[in-house]
Amino acid sequence: MPIANAPVLDREALTAEIEKRRGAGERIVLANGCFDILHVGHIRYLAAARSLGDCLVVGVNSDEQARQLKGEGRPAVNEKERAEVISALRSVDLVTIFPEPTVTELIRAIRPDVHAKGTDYTEDSVPEREIVREVGGRVAIVGDPKDHSSTELFSRTRD
């Protein structure tokens, strides 16, 4: 039985919920990632993203895309469980799993006011920056320095 606080929604339900919230005047923030093994860097990133608006939507990479990004043997945790863990965080309002290689289609669908990325990016290096601007949003770099990584955690446990 899931203990999640924030709903995990498919694209259609998410888009409908976003329109309702936008109609109520809420400022929508989008953050995304694999979130394979949750660590303090993820928590700080999502809390900082949430501070930029009224509703934090978190896009979780599908298992297939996480494997493409992180390599064979990943993710360690399946997409539904990763989404459930993220949905239990106080800073998170809505969660979705996205199957595309990039978050571009999700950005087109929900048109966030802010697309929050971690400090391993600069505003100019965010791959989706142009689509964010096209839909009327802005990119923000948030969180602490990239001193934490699930990949690093995995490599330490294998040694």
N, C-alpha and C. Protein backbone atom coordinates (compact mmCIF):
# COMPACT_ATOMS: atom_id res chain seq x y z
N MET A 1 0.84 -1.19 0.00
CA MET A 1 0.00 0.00 0.00
C MET A 1 0.89 1.25 0.00
N PRO A 2 0.82 2.07 -1.04
CA PRO A 2 1.63 3.29 -1.09
C PRO A 2 1.31 4.24 0.06
N ILE A 3 2.35 4.90 0.56
CA ILE A 3 2.17 5.86 1.65
C ILE A 3 2.39 7.29 1.16
N ALA A 4 2.36 7.45 -0.15
CA ALA A 4 2.70 8.73 -0.77
C ALA A 4 1.76 9.86 -0.36
N ASN A 5 2.33 11.03 -0.29
CA ASN A 5 1.56 12.22 -0.01
C ASN A 5 1.13 12.92 -1.29
N ALA A 6 2.04 13.09 -2.22
CA ALA A 6 1.75 13.75 -3.49
C ALA A 6 1.32 12.69 -4.50
N PRO A 7 0.32 13.00 -5.32
CA PRO A 7 -0.09 11.99 -6.29
C PRO A 7 0.94 11.80 -7.40
N VAL A 8 1.05 10.55 -7.86
CA VAL A 8 1.86 10.21 -9.02
C VAL A 8 0.88 10.10 -10.18
N LEU A 9 1.00 11.02 -11.14
CA LEU A 9 0.00 11.15 -12.19
C LEU A 9 0.58 10.84 -13.56
N ASP A 10 -0.27 10.31 -14.45
CA ASP A 10 0.15 10.16 -15.84
C ASP A 10 0.08 11.54 -16.50
N ARG A 11 0.55 11.64 -17.72
CA ARG A 11 0.67 12.94 -18.40
C ARG A 11 -0.68 13.66 -18.50
N GLU A 12 -1.72 12.93 -18.87
CA GLU A 12 -3.04 13.55 -19.05
C GLU A 12 -3.58 14.10 -17.73
N ALA A 13 -3.53 13.30 -16.69
CA ALA A 13 -4.02 13.74 -15.38
C ALA A 13 -3.17 14.89 -14.83
N LEU A 14 -1.85 14.81 -15.06
CA LEU A 14 -0.96 15.87 -14.61
C LEU A 14 -1.29 17.19 -15.30
N THR A 15 -1.48 17.16 -16.60
CA THR A 15 -1.79 18.37 -17.35
C THR A 15 -3.09 19.00 -16.85
N ALA A 16 -4.09 18.18 -16.60
CA ALA A 16 -5.37 18.69 -16.07
C ALA A 16 -5.18 19.33 -14.70
N GLU A 17 -4.41 18.68 -13.83
CA GLU A 17 -4.17 19.21 -12.49
C GLU A 17 -3.39 20.52 -12.55
N ILE A 18 -2.41 20.59 -13.44
CA ILE A 18 -1.62 21.82 -13.59
C ILE A 18 -2.52 22.97 -14.06
N GLU A 19 -3.40 22.71 -15.00
CA GLU A 19 -4.30 23.76 -15.48
C GLU A 19 -5.20 24.27 -14.36
N LYS A 20 -5.66 23.36 -13.53
CA LYS A 20 -6.50 23.75 -12.39
C LYS A 20 -5.70 24.64 -11.43
N ARG A 21 -4.49 24.24 -11.13
CA ARG A 21 -3.66 25.00 -10.21
C ARG A 21 -3.24 26.34 -10.81
N ARG A 22 -2.91 26.33 -12.09
CA ARG A 22 -2.55 27.59 -12.76
C ARG A 22 -3.75 28.54 -12.74
N GLY A 23 -4.94 28.00 -12.96
CA GLY A 23 -6.17 28.80 -12.90
C GLY A 23 -6.40 29.42 -11.53
N ALA A 24 -5.88 28.76 -10.50
CA ALA A 24 -5.99 29.28 -9.13
C ALA A 24 -4.85 30.24 -8.81
N GLY A 25 -4.01 30.53 -9.80
CA GLY A 25 -2.94 31.50 -9.62
C GLY A 25 -1.63 30.92 -9.12
N GLU A 26 -1.51 29.60 -9.10
CA GLU A 26 -0.26 29.00 -8.60
C GLU A 26 0.85 29.11 -9.64
N ARG A 27 2.06 29.30 -9.13
CA ARG A 27 3.27 29.34 -9.95
C ARG A 27 3.84 27.93 -9.98
N ILE A 28 4.03 27.37 -11.18
CA ILE A 28 4.42 25.97 -11.37
C ILE A 28 5.93 25.85 -11.58
N VAL A 29 6.55 24.96 -10.81
CA VAL A 29 7.98 24.69 -10.92
C VAL A 29 8.15 23.22 -11.30
N LEU A 30 9.04 22.96 -12.24
CA LEU A 30 9.35 21.59 -12.66
C LEU A 30 10.79 21.27 -12.31
N ALA A 31 10.99 20.12 -11.68
CA ALA A 31 12.32 19.55 -11.44
C ALA A 31 12.27 18.13 -11.99
N ASN A 32 13.41 17.58 -12.35
CA ASN A 32 13.40 16.22 -12.88
C ASN A 32 14.71 15.51 -12.58
N GLY A 33 14.66 14.18 -12.67
CA GLY A 33 15.85 13.38 -12.47
C GLY A 33 15.52 11.90 -12.36
N CYS A 34 16.57 11.10 -12.21
CA CYS A 34 16.41 9.66 -12.04
C CYS A 34 16.03 9.32 -10.60
N PHE A 35 16.68 9.96 -9.64
CA PHE A 35 16.41 9.75 -8.21
C PHE A 35 16.50 8.26 -7.86
N ASP A 36 17.58 7.60 -8.32
CA ASP A 36 17.71 6.16 -8.14
C ASP A 36 17.84 5.80 -6.66
N ILE A 37 18.81 6.32 -6.01
CA ILE A 37 18.94 6.16 -4.55
C ILE A 37 18.91 7.57 -3.98
N LEU A 38 17.88 7.88 -3.24
CA LEU A 38 17.69 9.23 -2.72
C LEU A 38 18.81 9.59 -1.75
N HIS A 39 19.38 10.78 -1.94
CA HIS A 39 20.44 11.26 -1.04
C HIS A 39 20.22 12.73 -0.74
N VAL A 40 21.03 13.29 0.13
CA VAL A 40 20.84 14.65 0.61
C VAL A 40 20.90 15.67 -0.53
N GLY A 41 21.68 15.42 -1.56
CA GLY A 41 21.72 16.33 -2.70
C GLY A 41 20.36 16.44 -3.37
N HIS A 42 19.65 15.32 -3.49
CA HIS A 42 18.30 15.34 -4.06
C HIS A 42 17.36 16.17 -3.18
N ILE A 43 17.43 15.95 -1.89
CA ILE A 43 16.55 16.67 -0.95
C ILE A 43 16.78 18.17 -1.06
N ARG A 44 18.04 18.58 -1.07
CA ARG A 44 18.36 20.01 -1.16
C ARG A 44 17.93 20.60 -2.50
N TYR A 45 18.11 19.87 -3.58
CA TYR A 45 17.69 20.30 -4.91
C TYR A 45 16.18 20.51 -4.95
N LEU A 46 15.42 19.54 -4.47
CA LEU A 46 13.96 19.63 -4.53
C LEU A 46 13.42 20.71 -3.58
N ALA A 47 14.01 20.85 -2.42
CA ALA A 47 13.57 21.91 -1.49
C ALA A 47 13.84 23.28 -2.09
N ALA A 48 15.00 23.46 -2.72
CA ALA A 48 15.32 24.74 -3.35
C ALA A 48 14.40 25.00 -4.53
N ALA A 49 14.09 23.97 -5.30
CA ALA A 49 13.17 24.12 -6.43
C ALA A 49 11.79 24.55 -5.93
N ARG A 50 11.32 23.92 -4.87
CA ARG A 50 10.00 24.24 -4.32
C ARG A 50 9.90 25.68 -3.87
N SER A 51 11.00 26.25 -3.42
CA SER A 51 10.99 27.63 -2.93
C SER A 51 10.75 28.65 -4.05
N LEU A 52 10.81 28.21 -5.30
CA LEU A 52 10.65 29.10 -6.44
C LEU A 52 9.20 29.26 -6.90
N GLY A 53 8.28 28.54 -6.28
CA GLY A 53 6.89 28.64 -6.72
C GLY A 53 5.93 28.04 -5.73
N ASP A 54 4.71 27.80 -6.21
CA ASP A 54 3.64 27.30 -5.34
C ASP A 54 3.41 25.80 -5.49
N CYS A 55 3.81 25.24 -6.61
CA CYS A 55 3.55 23.83 -6.90
C CYS A 55 4.80 23.23 -7.54
N LEU A 56 5.41 22.27 -6.87
CA LEU A 56 6.58 21.58 -7.42
C LEU A 56 6.15 20.27 -8.05
N VAL A 57 6.38 20.18 -9.36
CA VAL A 57 6.16 18.96 -10.12
C VAL A 57 7.52 18.30 -10.31
N VAL A 58 7.60 17.01 -10.01
CA VAL A 58 8.85 16.30 -10.22
C VAL A 58 8.64 15.22 -11.27
N GLY A 59 9.45 15.32 -12.33
CA GLY A 59 9.46 14.31 -13.37
C GLY A 59 10.54 13.29 -13.06
N VAL A 60 10.16 12.02 -12.99
CA VAL A 60 11.09 10.94 -12.70
C VAL A 60 11.35 10.17 -14.00
N ASN A 61 12.61 10.01 -14.36
CA ASN A 61 12.95 9.26 -15.58
C ASN A 61 12.45 7.83 -15.48
N SER A 62 11.89 7.33 -16.57
CA SER A 62 11.45 5.94 -16.63
C SER A 62 12.66 5.01 -16.44
N ASP A 63 12.38 3.75 -16.16
CA ASP A 63 13.46 2.77 -16.00
C ASP A 63 14.33 2.71 -17.25
N GLU A 64 13.70 2.68 -18.42
CA GLU A 64 14.45 2.58 -19.66
C GLU A 64 15.38 3.78 -19.84
N GLN A 65 14.88 4.98 -19.58
CA GLN A 65 15.71 6.17 -19.74
C GLN A 65 16.79 6.26 -18.66
N ALA A 66 16.47 5.84 -17.44
CA ALA A 66 17.49 5.83 -16.38
C ALA A 66 18.63 4.90 -16.76
N ARG A 67 18.31 3.75 -17.35
CA ARG A 67 19.33 2.81 -17.79
C ARG A 67 20.19 3.43 -18.90
N GLN A 68 19.54 4.14 -19.83
CA GLN A 68 20.28 4.82 -20.90
C GLN A 68 21.24 5.86 -20.32
N LEU A 69 20.79 6.58 -19.30
CA LEU A 69 21.60 7.64 -18.71
C LEU A 69 22.69 7.12 -17.78
N LYS A 70 22.37 6.09 -17.00
CA LYS A 70 23.27 5.65 -15.93
C LYS A 70 24.04 4.38 -16.23
N GLY A 71 23.57 3.59 -17.20
CA GLY A 71 24.29 2.38 -17.56
C GLY A 71 23.61 1.11 -17.11
N GLU A 72 24.18 0.00 -17.56
CA GLU A 72 23.63 -1.32 -17.25
C GLU A 72 23.60 -1.53 -15.74
N GLY A 73 22.55 -2.20 -15.28
CA GLY A 73 22.40 -2.46 -13.85
C GLY A 73 21.67 -1.35 -13.11
N ARG A 74 21.35 -0.31 -13.80
CA ARG A 74 20.62 0.81 -13.21
C ARG A 74 19.29 0.94 -13.93
N PRO A 75 18.29 1.43 -13.32
CA PRO A 75 18.28 1.89 -11.94
C PRO A 75 18.21 0.71 -10.96
N ALA A 76 18.64 0.97 -9.76
CA ALA A 76 18.58 -0.06 -8.72
C ALA A 76 17.15 -0.21 -8.19
N VAL A 77 16.40 0.87 -8.29
CA VAL A 77 15.02 0.91 -7.79
C VAL A 77 14.11 1.19 -8.99
N ASN A 78 13.01 0.47 -9.10
CA ASN A 78 12.14 0.65 -10.28
C ASN A 78 11.41 2.00 -10.25
N GLU A 79 10.94 2.41 -11.41
CA GLU A 79 10.36 3.75 -11.58
C GLU A 79 9.16 4.02 -10.67
N LYS A 80 8.31 3.04 -10.46
CA LYS A 80 7.14 3.26 -9.60
C LYS A 80 7.57 3.50 -8.15
N GLU A 81 8.54 2.76 -7.69
CA GLU A 81 9.01 2.95 -6.32
C GLU A 81 9.80 4.25 -6.18
N ARG A 82 10.60 4.61 -7.19
CA ARG A 82 11.31 5.89 -7.14
C ARG A 82 10.31 7.04 -7.10
N ALA A 83 9.25 6.96 -7.90
CA ALA A 83 8.22 8.00 -7.90
C ALA A 83 7.52 8.06 -6.55
N GLU A 84 7.25 6.92 -5.96
CA GLU A 84 6.58 6.89 -4.66
C GLU A 84 7.44 7.53 -3.57
N VAL A 85 8.74 7.24 -3.59
CA VAL A 85 9.65 7.84 -2.62
C VAL A 85 9.66 9.36 -2.79
N ILE A 86 9.78 9.84 -4.02
CA ILE A 86 9.79 11.28 -4.27
C ILE A 86 8.47 11.90 -3.82
N SER A 87 7.36 11.22 -4.06
CA SER A 87 6.05 11.77 -3.71
C SER A 87 5.86 11.92 -2.20
N ALA A 88 6.65 11.22 -1.42
CA ALA A 88 6.52 11.30 0.04
C ALA A 88 7.27 12.50 0.63
N LEU A 89 8.03 13.21 -0.19
CA LEU A 89 8.78 14.35 0.31
C LEU A 89 7.88 15.57 0.51
N ARG A 90 8.07 16.27 1.58
CA ARG A 90 7.25 17.43 1.93
C ARG A 90 7.28 18.52 0.86
N SER A 91 8.40 18.70 0.19
CA SER A 91 8.53 19.77 -0.79
C SER A 91 7.83 19.47 -2.12
N VAL A 92 7.42 18.24 -2.34
CA VAL A 92 6.88 17.81 -3.64
C VAL A 92 5.36 17.81 -3.63
N ASP A 93 4.78 18.41 -4.70
CA ASP A 93 3.33 18.49 -4.82
C ASP A 93 2.74 17.48 -5.80
N LEU A 94 3.43 17.24 -6.91
CA LEU A 94 2.95 16.32 -7.94
C LEU A 94 4.14 15.58 -8.53
N VAL A 95 3.92 14.33 -8.93
CA VAL A 95 4.99 13.52 -9.50
C VAL A 95 4.46 12.85 -10.76
N THR A 96 5.36 12.71 -11.73
CA THR A 96 5.04 11.95 -12.94
C THR A 96 6.29 11.21 -13.39
N ILE A 97 6.08 10.12 -14.09
CA ILE A 97 7.18 9.36 -14.68
C ILE A 97 7.17 9.71 -16.17
N PHE A 98 8.32 10.10 -16.70
CA PHE A 98 8.35 10.43 -18.13
C PHE A 98 9.24 9.46 -18.89
N PRO A 99 8.72 8.96 -20.02
CA PRO A 99 9.43 7.93 -20.78
C PRO A 99 10.39 8.46 -21.84
N GLU A 100 10.31 9.75 -22.15
CA GLU A 100 11.14 10.30 -23.22
C GLU A 100 12.58 10.47 -22.75
N PRO A 101 13.53 10.55 -23.71
CA PRO A 101 14.94 10.71 -23.35
C PRO A 101 15.26 12.04 -22.67
N THR A 102 14.45 13.06 -22.95
CA THR A 102 14.63 14.36 -22.29
C THR A 102 13.30 14.80 -21.72
N VAL A 103 13.34 15.83 -20.93
CA VAL A 103 12.13 16.36 -20.28
C VAL A 103 11.39 17.36 -21.18
N THR A 104 11.82 17.50 -22.42
CA THR A 104 11.23 18.48 -23.34
C THR A 104 9.72 18.32 -23.51
N GLU A 105 9.25 17.11 -23.74
CA GLU A 105 7.81 16.90 -23.95
C GLU A 105 7.00 17.20 -22.70
N LEU A 106 7.56 16.91 -21.55
CA LEU A 106 6.89 17.24 -20.29
C LEU A 106 6.81 18.76 -20.14
N ILE A 107 7.86 19.46 -20.49
CA ILE A 107 7.85 20.92 -20.44
C ILE A 107 6.76 21.46 -21.37
N ARG A 108 6.68 20.93 -22.57
CA ARG A 108 5.64 21.37 -23.51
C ARG A 108 4.24 21.13 -22.94
N ALA A 109 4.07 20.01 -22.26
CA ALA A 109 2.75 19.65 -21.75
C ALA A 109 2.31 20.53 -20.58
N ILE A 110 3.22 20.82 -19.65
CA ILE A 110 2.79 21.55 -18.44
C ILE A 110 3.19 23.02 -18.43
N ARG A 111 4.08 23.43 -19.33
CA ARG A 111 4.50 24.83 -19.44
C ARG A 111 4.84 25.45 -18.07
N PRO A 112 5.88 24.94 -17.42
CA PRO A 112 6.22 25.44 -16.08
C PRO A 112 6.67 26.90 -16.12
N ASP A 113 6.40 27.60 -15.04
CA ASP A 113 6.90 28.97 -14.89
C ASP A 113 8.41 28.94 -14.68
N VAL A 114 8.87 27.89 -13.99
CA VAL A 114 10.30 27.73 -13.70
C VAL A 114 10.67 26.27 -13.92
N HIS A 115 11.79 26.07 -14.62
CA HIS A 115 12.36 24.72 -14.76
C HIS A 115 13.64 24.73 -13.93
N ALA A 116 13.64 24.01 -12.82
CA ALA A 116 14.77 24.00 -11.89
C ALA A 116 15.71 22.85 -12.23
N LYS A 117 16.99 23.18 -12.35
CA LYS A 117 18.02 22.19 -12.61
C LYS A 117 19.08 22.30 -11.52
N GLY A 118 19.82 21.23 -11.31
CA GLY A 118 20.85 21.19 -10.27
C GLY A 118 22.10 21.95 -10.67
N THR A 119 22.99 22.06 -9.71
CA THR A 119 24.20 22.88 -9.88
C THR A 119 25.25 22.24 -10.78
N ASP A 120 24.97 21.06 -11.32
CA ASP A 120 25.87 20.51 -12.33
C ASP A 120 25.61 21.15 -13.69
N TYR A 121 24.63 22.05 -13.74
CA TYR A 121 24.32 22.82 -14.94
C TYR A 121 24.57 24.30 -14.68
N THR A 122 24.63 25.06 -15.77
CA THR A 122 24.52 26.51 -15.73
C THR A 122 23.27 26.83 -16.53
N GLU A 123 22.76 28.05 -16.41
CA GLU A 123 21.57 28.40 -17.19
C GLU A 123 21.80 28.20 -18.67
N ASP A 124 23.01 28.44 -19.15
CA ASP A 124 23.31 28.29 -20.57
C ASP A 124 23.52 26.84 -21.00
N SER A 125 23.80 25.94 -20.06
CA SER A 125 24.05 24.55 -20.45
C SER A 125 22.83 23.64 -20.29
N VAL A 126 21.72 24.16 -19.78
CA VAL A 126 20.52 23.34 -19.63
C VAL A 126 19.99 22.99 -21.02
N PRO A 127 19.93 21.71 -21.37
CA PRO A 127 19.53 21.32 -22.73
C PRO A 127 18.14 21.83 -23.13
N GLU A 128 17.24 21.95 -22.18
CA GLU A 128 15.86 22.35 -22.48
C GLU A 128 15.60 23.84 -22.36
N ARG A 129 16.64 24.63 -22.20
CA ARG A 129 16.45 26.06 -21.92
C ARG A 129 15.60 26.78 -22.96
N GLU A 130 15.79 26.44 -24.25
CA GLU A 130 15.04 27.14 -25.30
C GLU A 130 13.55 26.80 -25.26
N ILE A 131 13.22 25.54 -25.04
CA ILE A 131 11.80 25.16 -24.97
C ILE A 131 11.16 25.78 -23.73
N VAL A 132 11.89 25.88 -22.63
CA VAL A 132 11.36 26.53 -21.43
C VAL A 132 11.01 27.99 -21.75
N ARG A 133 11.89 28.68 -22.43
CA ARG A 133 11.64 30.07 -22.81
C ARG A 133 10.46 30.16 -23.78
N GLU A 134 10.39 29.22 -24.73
CA GLU A 134 9.29 29.23 -25.70
C GLU A 134 7.93 29.12 -25.04
N VAL A 135 7.84 28.36 -23.94
CA VAL A 135 6.55 28.20 -23.25
C VAL A 135 6.34 29.27 -22.19
N GLY A 136 7.25 30.25 -22.13
CA GLY A 136 7.06 31.39 -21.23
C GLY A 136 7.68 31.24 -19.86
N GLY A 137 8.53 30.24 -19.68
CA GLY A 137 9.16 30.02 -18.38
C GLY A 137 10.59 30.49 -18.35
N ARG A 138 11.22 30.22 -17.22
CA ARG A 138 12.63 30.53 -17.07
C ARG A 138 13.33 29.34 -16.42
N VAL A 139 14.63 29.27 -16.62
CA VAL A 139 15.46 28.23 -16.02
C VAL A 139 16.09 28.79 -14.76
N ALA A 140 16.14 27.98 -13.71
CA ALA A 140 16.81 28.36 -12.47
C ALA A 140 17.73 27.21 -12.05
N ILE A 141 18.92 27.57 -11.60
CA ILE A 141 19.87 26.58 -11.09
C ILE A 141 19.78 26.62 -9.56
N VAL A 142 19.49 25.46 -8.97
CA VAL A 142 19.24 25.40 -7.53
C VAL A 142 19.92 24.20 -6.89
N GLY A 143 20.00 24.23 -5.58
CA GLY A 143 20.56 23.12 -4.81
C GLY A 143 21.98 23.42 -4.38
N ASP A 144 22.56 22.45 -3.71
CA ASP A 144 23.93 22.62 -3.24
C ASP A 144 24.90 22.15 -4.32
N PRO A 145 26.18 22.39 -4.11
CA PRO A 145 27.16 21.93 -5.10
C PRO A 145 27.02 20.42 -5.33
N LYS A 146 27.33 19.98 -6.51
CA LYS A 146 27.16 18.57 -6.88
C LYS A 146 28.21 17.71 -6.18
N ASP A 147 28.08 17.59 -4.85
CA ASP A 147 29.01 16.80 -4.05
C ASP A 147 28.44 15.42 -3.72
N HIS A 148 27.21 15.14 -4.21
CA HIS A 148 26.54 13.89 -3.89
C HIS A 148 26.07 13.26 -5.18
N SER A 149 26.10 11.93 -5.23
CA SER A 149 25.69 11.25 -6.44
C SER A 149 25.33 9.81 -6.13
N SER A 150 24.21 9.35 -6.70
CA SER A 150 23.85 7.94 -6.55
C SER A 150 24.91 7.05 -7.16
N THR A 151 25.46 7.46 -8.30
CA THR A 151 26.51 6.67 -8.96
C THR A 151 27.71 6.51 -8.03
N GLU A 152 28.10 7.57 -7.35
CA GLU A 152 29.20 7.50 -6.40
C GLU A 152 28.86 6.57 -5.24
N LEU A 153 27.63 6.64 -4.74
CA LEU A 153 27.21 5.75 -3.66
C LEU A 153 27.32 4.29 -4.09
N PHE A 154 26.87 4.00 -5.32
CA PHE A 154 26.96 2.64 -5.83
C PHE A 154 28.41 2.18 -5.93
N SER A 155 29.27 3.03 -6.41
CA SER A 155 30.68 2.62 -6.58
C SER A 155 31.33 2.37 -5.23
N ARG A 156 30.97 3.14 -4.22
CA ARG A 156 31.55 2.91 -2.87
C ARG A 156 31.09 1.61 -2.27
N THR A 157 29.83 1.21 -2.55
CA THR A 157 29.34 -0.03 -1.97
C THR A 157 29.89 -1.26 -2.68
N ARG A 158 30.37 -1.09 -3.89
CA ARG A 158 30.96 -2.22 -4.64
C ARG A 158 32.41 -2.48 -4.28
N ASP A 159 33.06 -1.49 -3.69
CA ASP A 159 34.48 -1.63 -3.34
C ASP A 159 34.68 -2.48 -2.11
